């Protein structure tokens, strides 16, 4: 199921979001609920929740059997946290 969701995001959702300089990635799948993070300009857009509901959820539910819901993942990625830690450590030294 996870690979199917990733394929739908790449083939169907990303081309739509690319018009707005963004994209979508699956961050995790728990109990048939897909957690998706928006990327690029879409990540900071005030309409991110609406995009998840109108575009991402619609495409995933229509094309991947068994998915119960799609939720916007607003958590901070570990890569970004690591980068912030490195910056802070350089400033402290």
PDB file of N, CA and C in Angstrom:
ATOM      1  N   UNK A   1       0.826  -1.198   0.000  1.00  0.00           N
ATOM      2  CA  UNK A   1       0.000   0.000   0.000  1.00  0.00           C
ATOM      3  C   UNK A   1       0.870   1.262   0.000  1.00  0.00           C
ATOM      4  N   UNK A   2       1.969   1.215   0.755  1.00  0.00           N
ATOM      5  CA  UNK A   2       2.846   2.381   0.855  1.00  0.00           C
ATOM      6  C   UNK A   2       3.410   2.772  -0.516  1.00  0.00           C
ATOM      7  N   UNK A   3       3.826   1.780  -1.284  1.00  0.00           N
ATOM      8  CA  UNK A   3       4.377   2.059  -2.620  1.00  0.00           C
ATOM      9  C   UNK A   3       3.306   2.618  -3.553  1.00  0.00           C
ATOM     10  N   UNK A   4       2.082   2.131  -3.416  1.00  0.00           N
ATOM     11  CA  UNK A   4       0.981   2.640  -4.235  1.00  0.00           C
ATOM     12  C   UNK A   4       0.726   4.117  -3.922  1.00  0.00           C
ATOM     13  N   UNK A   5       0.754   4.463  -2.649  1.00  0.00           N
ATOM     14  CA  UNK A   5       0.537   5.861  -2.252  1.00  0.00           C
ATOM     15  C   UNK A   5       1.642   6.741  -2.817  1.00  0.00           C
ATOM     16  N   UNK A   6       2.881   6.294  -2.682  1.00  0.00           N
ATOM     17  CA  UNK A   6       4.011   7.066  -3.214  1.00  0.00           C
ATOM     18  C   UNK A   6       3.876   7.277  -4.713  1.00  0.00           C
ATOM     19  N   UNK A   7       3.429   6.252  -5.421  1.00  0.00           N
ATOM     20  CA  UNK A   7       3.239   6.357  -6.871  1.00  0.00           C
ATOM     21  C   UNK A   7       2.148   7.367  -7.217  1.00  0.00           C
ATOM     22  N   UNK A   8       1.047   7.340  -6.480  1.00  0.00           N
ATOM     23  CA  UNK A   8      -0.040   8.302  -6.718  1.00  0.00           C
ATOM     24  C   UNK A   8       0.452   9.724  -6.443  1.00  0.00           C
ATOM     25  N   UNK A   9       1.204   9.894  -5.366  1.00  0.00           N
ATOM     26  CA  UNK A   9       1.731  11.226  -5.066  1.00  0.00           C
ATOM     27  C   UNK A   9       2.636  11.708  -6.191  1.00  0.00           C
ATOM     28  N   UNK A  10       3.508  10.834  -6.670  1.00  0.00           N
ATOM     29  CA  UNK A  10       4.452  11.208  -7.727  1.00  0.00           C
ATOM     30  C   UNK A  10       3.754  11.455  -9.063  1.00  0.00           C
ATOM     31  N   UNK A  11       2.868  10.543  -9.442  1.00  0.00           N
ATOM     32  CA  UNK A  11       2.271  10.597 -10.782  1.00  0.00           C
ATOM     33  C   UNK A  11       1.066  11.518 -10.903  1.00  0.00           C
ATOM     34  N   UNK A  12       0.290  11.657  -9.831  1.00  0.00           N
ATOM     35  CA  UNK A  12      -0.959  12.413  -9.931  1.00  0.00           C
ATOM     36  C   UNK A  12      -0.956  13.715  -9.135  1.00  0.00           C
ATOM     37  N   UNK A  13      -0.376  13.690  -7.943  1.00  0.00           N
ATOM     38  CA  UNK A  13      -0.430  14.870  -7.081  1.00  0.00           C
ATOM     39  C   UNK A  13       0.690  15.856  -7.400  1.00  0.00           C
ATOM     40  N   UNK A  14       1.917  15.352  -7.505  1.00  0.00           N
ATOM     41  CA  UNK A  14       3.051  16.252  -7.746  1.00  0.00           C
ATOM     42  C   UNK A  14       2.894  17.124  -8.999  1.00  0.00           C
ATOM     43  N   UNK A  15       2.387  16.594 -10.106  1.00  0.00           N
ATOM     44  CA  UNK A  15       2.198  17.482 -11.272  1.00  0.00           C
ATOM     45  C   UNK A  15       1.237  18.640 -10.995  1.00  0.00           C
ATOM     46  N   UNK A  16       0.242  18.418 -10.173  1.00  0.00           N
ATOM     47  CA  UNK A  16      -0.700  19.482  -9.823  1.00  0.00           C
ATOM     48  C   UNK A  16      -0.007  20.515  -8.933  1.00  0.00           C
ATOM     49  N   UNK A  17       0.702  20.014  -7.917  1.00  0.00           N
ATOM     50  CA  UNK A  17       1.366  20.917  -6.970  1.00  0.00           C
ATOM     51  C   UNK A  17       2.580  21.605  -7.591  1.00  0.00           C
ATOM     52  N   UNK A  18       3.173  21.010  -8.601  1.00  0.00           N
ATOM     53  CA  UNK A  18       4.336  21.615  -9.259  1.00  0.00           C
ATOM     54  C   UNK A  18       3.984  22.959  -9.879  1.00  0.00           C
ATOM     55  N   UNK A  19       2.741  23.131 -10.264  1.00  0.00           N
ATOM     56  CA  UNK A  19       2.293  24.421 -10.815  1.00  0.00           C
ATOM     57  C   UNK A  19       2.393  25.526  -9.764  1.00  0.00           C
ATOM     58  N   UNK A  20       2.464  25.127  -8.509  1.00  0.00           N
ATOM     59  CA  UNK A  20       2.592  26.072  -7.391  1.00  0.00           C
ATOM     60  C   UNK A  20       3.955  25.934  -6.706  1.00  0.00           C
ATOM     61  N   UNK A  21       4.896  25.300  -7.413  1.00  0.00           N
ATOM     62  CA  UNK A  21       6.267  25.103  -6.921  1.00  0.00           C
ATOM     63  C   UNK A  21       6.318  24.247  -5.658  1.00  0.00           C
ATOM     64  N   UNK A  22       5.493  23.216  -5.631  1.00  0.00           N
ATOM     65  CA  UNK A  22       5.469  22.342  -4.468  1.00  0.00           C
ATOM     66  C   UNK A  22       5.377  20.887  -4.844  1.00  0.00           C
ATOM     67  N   UNK A  23       5.218  20.060  -3.831  1.00  0.00           N
ATOM     68  CA  UNK A  23       5.084  18.630  -4.018  1.00  0.00           C
ATOM     69  C   UNK A  23       4.539  18.000  -2.754  1.00  0.00           C
ATOM     70  N   UNK A  24       4.506  16.664  -2.725  1.00  0.00           N
ATOM     71  CA  UNK A  24       3.977  15.943  -1.570  1.00  0.00           C
ATOM     72  C   UNK A  24       4.774  14.671  -1.366  1.00  0.00           C
ATOM     73  N   UNK A  25       5.048  14.345  -0.091  1.00  0.00           N
ATOM     74  CA  UNK A  25       5.747  13.100   0.237  1.00  0.00           C
ATOM     75  C   UNK A  25       5.012  12.388   1.368  1.00  0.00           C
ATOM     76  N   UNK A  26       4.992  11.077   1.271  1.00  0.00           N
ATOM     77  CA  UNK A  26       4.425  10.248   2.329  1.00  0.00           C
ATOM     78  C   UNK A  26       5.441  10.162   3.451  1.00  0.00           C
ATOM     79  N   UNK A  27       5.067  10.553   4.652  1.00  0.00           N
ATOM     80  CA  UNK A  27       5.996  10.484   5.779  1.00  0.00           C
ATOM     81  C   UNK A  27       5.803   9.216   6.593  1.00  0.00           C
ATOM     82  N   UNK A  28       4.572   8.739   6.645  1.00  0.00           N
ATOM     83  CA  UNK A  28       4.325   7.472   7.338  1.00  0.00           C
ATOM     84  C   UNK A  28       2.917   6.980   7.006  1.00  0.00           C
ATOM     85  N   UNK A  29       2.705   5.692   7.264  1.00  0.00           N
ATOM     86  CA  UNK A  29       1.410   5.051   7.070  1.00  0.00           C
ATOM     87  C   UNK A  29       1.106   4.282   8.341  1.00  0.00           C
ATOM     88  N   UNK A  30       0.042   4.673   9.042  1.00  0.00           N
ATOM     89  CA  UNK A  30      -0.339   4.033  10.293  1.00  0.00           C
ATOM     90  C   UNK A  30      -1.820   3.695  10.277  1.00  0.00           C
ATOM     91  N   UNK A  31      -2.107   2.438  10.492  1.00  0.00           N
ATOM     92  CA  UNK A  31      -3.499   1.982  10.568  1.00  0.00           C
ATOM     93  C   UNK A  31      -4.316   2.468   9.372  1.00  0.00           C
ATOM     94  N   UNK A  32      -3.747   2.313   8.185  1.00  0.00           N
ATOM     95  CA  UNK A  32      -4.387   2.684   6.911  1.00  0.00           C
ATOM     96  C   UNK A  32      -4.648   4.180   6.775  1.00  0.00           C
ATOM     97  N   UNK A  33      -3.941   4.995   7.543  1.00  0.00           N
ATOM     98  CA  UNK A  33      -4.010   6.458   7.421  1.00  0.00           C
ATOM     99  C   UNK A  33      -2.656   6.936   6.903  1.00  0.00           C
ATOM    100  N   UNK A  34      -2.682   7.663   5.791  1.00  0.00           N
ATOM    101  CA  UNK A  34      -1.463   8.183   5.183  1.00  0.00           C
ATOM    102  C   UNK A  34      -1.191   9.580   5.721  1.00  0.00           C
ATOM    103  N   UNK A  35       0.027   9.791   6.185  1.00  0.00           N
ATOM    104  CA  UNK A  35       0.461  11.111   6.643  1.00  0.00           C
ATOM    105  C   UNK A  35       1.356  11.680   5.555  1.00  0.00           C
ATOM    106  N   UNK A  36       0.976  12.842   5.040  1.00  0.00           N
ATOM    107  CA  UNK A  36       1.658  13.435   3.893  1.00  0.00           C
ATOM    108  C   UNK A  36       2.152  14.827   4.256  1.00  0.00           C
ATOM    109  N   UNK A  37       3.413  15.090   3.903  1.00  0.00           N
ATOM    110  CA  UNK A  37       4.005  16.421   4.105  1.00  0.00           C
ATOM    111  C   UNK A  37       4.067  17.112   2.748  1.00  0.00           C
ATOM    112  N   UNK A  38       3.630  18.354   2.716  1.00  0.00           N
ATOM    113  CA  UNK A  38       3.765  19.148   1.508  1.00  0.00           C
ATOM    114  C   UNK A  38       5.162  19.741   1.486  1.00  0.00           C
ATOM    115  N   UNK A  39       5.729  19.883   0.292  1.00  0.00           N
ATOM    116  CA  UNK A  39       7.085  20.384   0.142  1.00  0.00           C
ATOM    117  C   UNK A  39       7.098  21.634  -0.724  1.00  0.00           C
ATOM    118  N   UNK A  40       8.263  22.269  -0.789  1.00  0.00           N
ATOM    119  CA  UNK A  40       8.410  23.461  -1.609  1.00  0.00           C
ATOM    120  C   UNK A  40       7.516  24.577  -1.105  1.00  0.00           C
ATOM    121  N   UNK A  41       7.014  25.367  -2.024  1.00  0.00           N
ATOM    122  CA  UNK A  41       6.163  26.499  -1.656  1.00  0.00           C
ATOM    123  C   UNK A  41       4.875  26.048  -0.974  1.00  0.00           C
ATOM    124  N   UNK A  42       4.432  24.844  -1.270  1.00  0.00           N
ATOM    125  CA  UNK A  42       3.192  24.344  -0.669  1.00  0.00           C
ATOM    126  C   UNK A  42       3.342  24.086   0.832  1.00  0.00           C
ATOM    127  N   UNK A  43       4.566  23.861   1.287  1.00  0.00           N
ATOM    128  CA  UNK A  43       4.795  23.556   2.698  1.00  0.00           C
ATOM    129  C   UNK A  43       4.403  24.705   3.616  1.00  0.00           C
ATOM    130  N   UNK A  44       4.606  25.925   3.148  1.00  0.00           N
ATOM    131  CA  UNK A  44       4.316  27.092   3.995  1.00  0.00           C
ATOM    132  C   UNK A  44       3.068  27.844   3.561  1.00  0.00           C
ATOM    133  N   UNK A  45       2.336  27.270   2.662  1.00  0.00           N
ATOM    134  CA  UNK A  45       1.134  27.931   2.143  1.00  0.00           C
ATOM    135  C   UNK A  45       0.000  27.908   3.171  1.00  0.00           C
ATOM    136  N   UNK A  46      -0.694  29.019   3.327  1.00  0.00           N
ATOM    137  CA  UNK A  46      -1.833  29.044   4.258  1.00  0.00           C
ATOM    138  C   UNK A  46      -2.955  28.081   3.856  1.00  0.00           C
ATOM    139  N   UNK A  47      -2.958  27.667   2.599  1.00  0.00           N
ATOM    140  CA  UNK A  47      -3.997  26.753   2.110  1.00  0.00           C
ATOM    141  C   UNK A  47      -3.560  25.296   2.133  1.00  0.00           C
ATOM    142  N   UNK A  48      -2.508  24.966   2.876  1.00  0.00           N
ATOM    143  CA  UNK A  48      -1.980  23.601   2.887  1.00  0.00           C
ATOM    144  C   UNK A  48      -3.045  22.579   3.293  1.00  0.00           C
ATOM    145  N   UNK A  49      -3.810  22.871   4.313  1.00  0.00           N
ATOM    146  CA  UNK A  49      -4.846  21.927   4.751  1.00  0.00           C
ATOM    147  C   UNK A  49      -5.894  21.728   3.660  1.00  0.00           C
ATOM    148  N   UNK A  50      -6.265  22.803   3.007  1.00  0.00           N
ATOM    149  CA  UNK A  50      -7.229  22.711   1.910  1.00  0.00           C
ATOM    150  C   UNK A  50      -6.662  21.887   0.754  1.00  0.00           C
ATOM    151  N   UNK A  51      -5.370  22.043   0.480  1.00  0.00           N
ATOM    152  CA  UNK A  51      -4.716  21.266  -0.573  1.00  0.00           C
ATOM    153  C   UNK A  51      -4.745  19.782  -0.239  1.00  0.00           C
ATOM    154  N   UNK A  52      -4.472  19.454   1.008  1.00  0.00           N
ATOM    155  CA  UNK A  52      -4.536  18.046   1.420  1.00  0.00           C
ATOM    156  C   UNK A  52      -5.940  17.505   1.191  1.00  0.00           C
ATOM    157  N   UNK A  53      -6.941  18.250   1.614  1.00  0.00           N
ATOM    158  CA  UNK A  53      -8.317  17.779   1.505  1.00  0.00           C
ATOM    159  C   UNK A  53      -8.799  17.694   0.066  1.00  0.00           C
ATOM    160  N   UNK A  54      -8.539  18.729  -0.721  1.00  0.00           N
ATOM    161  CA  UNK A  54      -9.096  18.803  -2.075  1.00  0.00           C
ATOM    162  C   UNK A  54      -8.296  18.046  -3.120  1.00  0.00           C
ATOM    163  N   UNK A  55      -6.990  17.984  -2.959  1.00  0.00           N
ATOM    164  CA  UNK A  55      -6.141  17.383  -3.991  1.00  0.00           C
ATOM    165  C   UNK A  55      -5.578  16.042  -3.534  1.00  0.00           C
ATOM    166  N   UNK A  56      -4.803  16.065  -2.469  1.00  0.00           N
ATOM    167  CA  UNK A  56      -4.060  14.871  -2.067  1.00  0.00           C
ATOM    168  C   UNK A  56      -4.999  13.768  -1.606  1.00  0.00           C
ATOM    169  N   UNK A  57      -5.882  14.071  -0.672  1.00  0.00           N
ATOM    170  CA  UNK A  57      -6.798  13.050  -0.153  1.00  0.00           C
ATOM    171  C   UNK A  57      -7.659  12.475  -1.276  1.00  0.00           C
ATOM    172  N   UNK A  58      -8.172  13.345  -2.114  1.00  0.00           N
ATOM    173  CA  UNK A  58      -9.036  12.888  -3.202  1.00  0.00           C
ATOM    174  C   UNK A  58      -8.317  11.903  -4.117  1.00  0.00           C
ATOM    175  N   UNK A  59      -7.102  12.222  -4.512  1.00  0.00           N
ATOM    176  CA  UNK A  59      -6.346  11.346  -5.414  1.00  0.00           C
ATOM    177  C   UNK A  59      -5.966  10.026  -4.745  1.00  0.00           C
ATOM    178  N   UNK A  60      -5.500  10.100  -3.517  1.00  0.00           N
ATOM    179  CA  UNK A  60      -5.075   8.877  -2.827  1.00  0.00           C
ATOM    180  C   UNK A  60      -6.269   7.963  -2.577  1.00  0.00           C
ATOM    181  N   UNK A  61      -7.357   8.495  -2.047  1.00  0.00           N
ATOM    182  CA  UNK A  61      -8.520   7.654  -1.760  1.00  0.00           C
ATOM    183  C   UNK A  61      -9.116   7.055  -3.027  1.00  0.00           C
ATOM    184  N   UNK A  62      -9.058   7.795  -4.111  1.00  0.00           N
ATOM    185  CA  UNK A  62      -9.605   7.315  -5.386  1.00  0.00           C
ATOM    186  C   UNK A  62      -8.727   6.228  -6.004  1.00  0.00           C
ATOM    187  N   UNK A  63      -7.426   6.276  -5.765  1.00  0.00           N
ATOM    188  CA  UNK A  63      -6.506   5.400  -6.477  1.00  0.00           C
ATOM    189  C   UNK A  63      -5.839   4.303  -5.642  1.00  0.00           C
ATOM    190  N   UNK A  64      -5.986   4.343  -4.316  1.00  0.00           N
ATOM    191  CA  UNK A  64      -5.347   3.333  -3.468  1.00  0.00           C
ATOM    192  C   UNK A  64      -6.403   2.710  -2.555  1.00  0.00           C
ATOM    193  N   UNK A  65      -6.717   1.461  -2.833  1.00  0.00           N
ATOM    194  CA  UNK A  65      -7.711   0.753  -2.035  1.00  0.00           C
ATOM    195  C   UNK A  65      -7.174   0.480  -0.629  1.00  0.00           C
ATOM    196  N   UNK A  66      -8.010   0.724   0.364  1.00  0.00           N
ATOM    197  CA  UNK A  66      -7.650   0.415   1.742  1.00  0.00           C
ATOM    198  C   UNK A  66      -7.220   1.607   2.567  1.00  0.00           C
ATOM    199  N   UNK A  67      -6.931   2.729   1.928  1.00  0.00           N
ATOM    200  CA  UNK A  67      -6.552   3.922   2.685  1.00  0.00           C
ATOM    201  C   UNK A  67      -7.823   4.533   3.261  1.00  0.00           C
ATOM    202  N   UNK A  68      -7.813   4.782   4.571  1.00  0.00           N
ATOM    203  CA  UNK A  68      -8.989   5.330   5.235  1.00  0.00           C
ATOM    204  C   UNK A  68      -8.994   6.853   5.248  1.00  0.00           C
ATOM    205  N   UNK A  69      -7.802   7.459   5.307  1.00  0.00           N
ATOM    206  CA  UNK A  69      -7.731   8.917   5.377  1.00  0.00           C
ATOM    207  C   UNK A  69      -6.330   9.372   4.996  1.00  0.00           C
ATOM    208  N   UNK A  70      -6.221  10.652   4.670  1.00  0.00           N
ATOM    209  CA  UNK A  70      -4.942  11.293   4.394  1.00  0.00           C
ATOM    210  C   UNK A  70      -4.881  12.532   5.271  1.00  0.00           C
ATOM    211  N   UNK A  71      -3.808  12.648   6.043  1.00  0.00           N
ATOM    212  CA  UNK A  71      -3.676  13.737   7.004  1.00  0.00           C
ATOM    213  C   UNK A  71      -2.409  14.531   6.703  1.00  0.00           C
ATOM    214  N   UNK A  72      -2.507  15.837   6.818  1.00  0.00           N
ATOM    215  CA  UNK A  72      -1.360  16.719   6.635  1.00  0.00           C
ATOM    216  C   UNK A  72      -0.377  16.521   7.776  1.00  0.00           C
ATOM    217  N   UNK A  73       0.852  16.184   7.446  1.00  0.00           N
ATOM    218  CA  UNK A  73       1.908  16.016   8.444  1.00  0.00           C
ATOM    219  C   UNK A  73       2.642  17.341   8.578  1.00  0.00           C
ATOM    220  N   UNK A  74       2.477  17.989   9.706  1.00  0.00           N
ATOM    221  CA  UNK A  74       3.113  19.289   9.938  1.00  0.00           C
ATOM    222  C   UNK A  74       4.311  19.168  10.878  1.00  0.00           C
ATOM    223  N   UNK A  75       4.730  17.933  11.143  1.00  0.00           N
ATOM    224  CA  UNK A  75       5.876  17.748  12.022  1.00  0.00           C
ATOM    225  C   UNK A  75       7.143  18.249  11.332  1.00  0.00           C
ATOM    226  N   UNK A  76       8.137  18.544  12.127  1.00  0.00           N
ATOM    227  CA  UNK A  76       9.413  19.009  11.601  1.00  0.00           C
ATOM    228  C   UNK A  76      10.278  17.784  11.313  1.00  0.00           C
ATOM    229  N   UNK A  77      10.867  17.746  10.127  1.00  0.00           N
ATOM    230  CA  UNK A  77      11.682  16.593   9.746  1.00  0.00           C
ATOM    231  C   UNK A  77      12.956  16.537  10.574  1.00  0.00           C
ATOM    232  N   UNK A  78      13.456  15.337  10.775  1.00  0.00           N
ATOM    233  CA  UNK A  78      14.684  15.142  11.538  1.00  0.00           C
ATOM    234  C   UNK A  78      15.874  15.795  10.833  1.00  0.00           C
ATOM    235  N   UNK A  79      15.870  15.808   9.501  1.00  0.00           N
ATOM    236  CA  UNK A  79      16.940  16.475   8.743  1.00  0.00           C
ATOM    237  C   UNK A  79      16.992  17.963   9.063  1.00  0.00           C
ATOM    238  N   UNK A  80      15.837  18.589   9.122  1.00  0.00           N
ATOM    239  CA  UNK A  80      15.778  20.013   9.425  1.00  0.00           C
ATOM    240  C   UNK A  80      16.240  20.280  10.860  1.00  0.00           C
ATOM    241  N   UNK A  81      15.841  19.428  11.772  1.00  0.00           N
ATOM    242  CA  UNK A  81      16.292  19.572  13.162  1.00  0.00           C
ATOM    243  C   UNK A  81      17.802  19.411  13.272  1.00  0.00           C
ATOM    244  N   UNK A  82      18.365  18.442  12.549  1.00  0.00           N
ATOM    245  CA  UNK A  82      19.823  18.257  12.558  1.00  0.00           C
ATOM    246  C   UNK A  82      20.537  19.489  12.020  1.00  0.00           C
ATOM    247  N   UNK A  83      20.004  20.063  10.939  1.00  0.00           N
ATOM    248  CA  UNK A  83      20.597  21.261  10.368  1.00  0.00           C
ATOM    249  C   UNK A  83      20.565  22.413  11.371  1.00  0.00           C
ATOM    250  N   UNK A  84      19.462  22.574  12.054  1.00  0.00           N
ATOM    251  CA  UNK A  84      19.334  23.640  13.053  1.00  0.00           C
ATOM    252  C   UNK A  84      20.321  23.429  14.192  1.00  0.00           C
ATOM    253  N   UNK A  85      20.488  22.185  14.618  1.00  0.00           N
ATOM    254  CA  UNK A  85      21.445  21.885  15.693  1.00  0.00           C
ATOM    255  C   UNK A  85      22.873  22.240  15.279  1.00  0.00           C
ATOM    256  N   UNK A  86      23.219  21.918  14.036  1.00  0.00           N
ATOM    257  CA  UNK A  86      24.562  22.242  13.534  1.00  0.00           C
ATOM    258  C   UNK A  86      24.785  23.748  13.495  1.00  0.00           C
ATOM    259  N   UNK A  87      23.785  24.483  13.054  1.00  0.00           N
ATOM    260  CA  UNK A  87      23.890  25.949  13.003  1.00  0.00           C
ATOM    261  C   UNK A  87      24.053  26.515  14.401  1.00  0.00           C
ATOM    262  N   UNK A  88      23.231  26.029  15.320  1.00  0.00           N
ATOM    263  CA  UNK A  88      23.308  26.514  16.691  1.00  0.00           C
ATOM    264  C   UNK A  88      24.652  26.173  17.340  1.00  0.00           C
ATOM    265  N   UNK A  89      25.160  24.995  17.073  1.00  0.00           N
ATOM    266  CA  UNK A  89      26.460  24.610  17.629  1.00  0.00           C
ATOM    267  C   UNK A  89      27.584  25.479  17.092  1.00  0.00           C
ATOM    268  N   UNK A  90      27.519  25.865  15.824  1.00  0.00           N
ATOM    269  CA  UNK A  90      28.544  26.741  15.248  1.00  0.00           C
ATOM    270  C   UNK A  90      28.488  28.128  15.883  1.00  0.00           C
ATOM    271  N   UNK A  91      27.295  28.599  16.154  1.00  0.00           N
ATOM    272  CA  UNK A  91      27.141  29.939  16.745  1.00  0.00           C
ATOM    273  C   UNK A  91      27.616  29.948  18.200  1.00  0.00           C
ATOM    274  N   UNK A  92      27.495  28.816  18.893  1.00  0.00           N
ATOM    275  CA  UNK A  92      27.895  28.736  20.299  1.00  0.00           C
ATOM    276  C   UNK A  92      29.420  28.675  20.412  1.00  0.00           C
ATOM    277  N   UNK A  93      30.075  27.991  19.472  1.00  0.00           N
ATOM    278  CA  UNK A  93      31.538  27.829  19.516  1.00  0.00           C
ATOM    279  C   UNK A  93      32.276  29.101  19.384  1.00  0.00           C
TER     280      UNK A  93
END
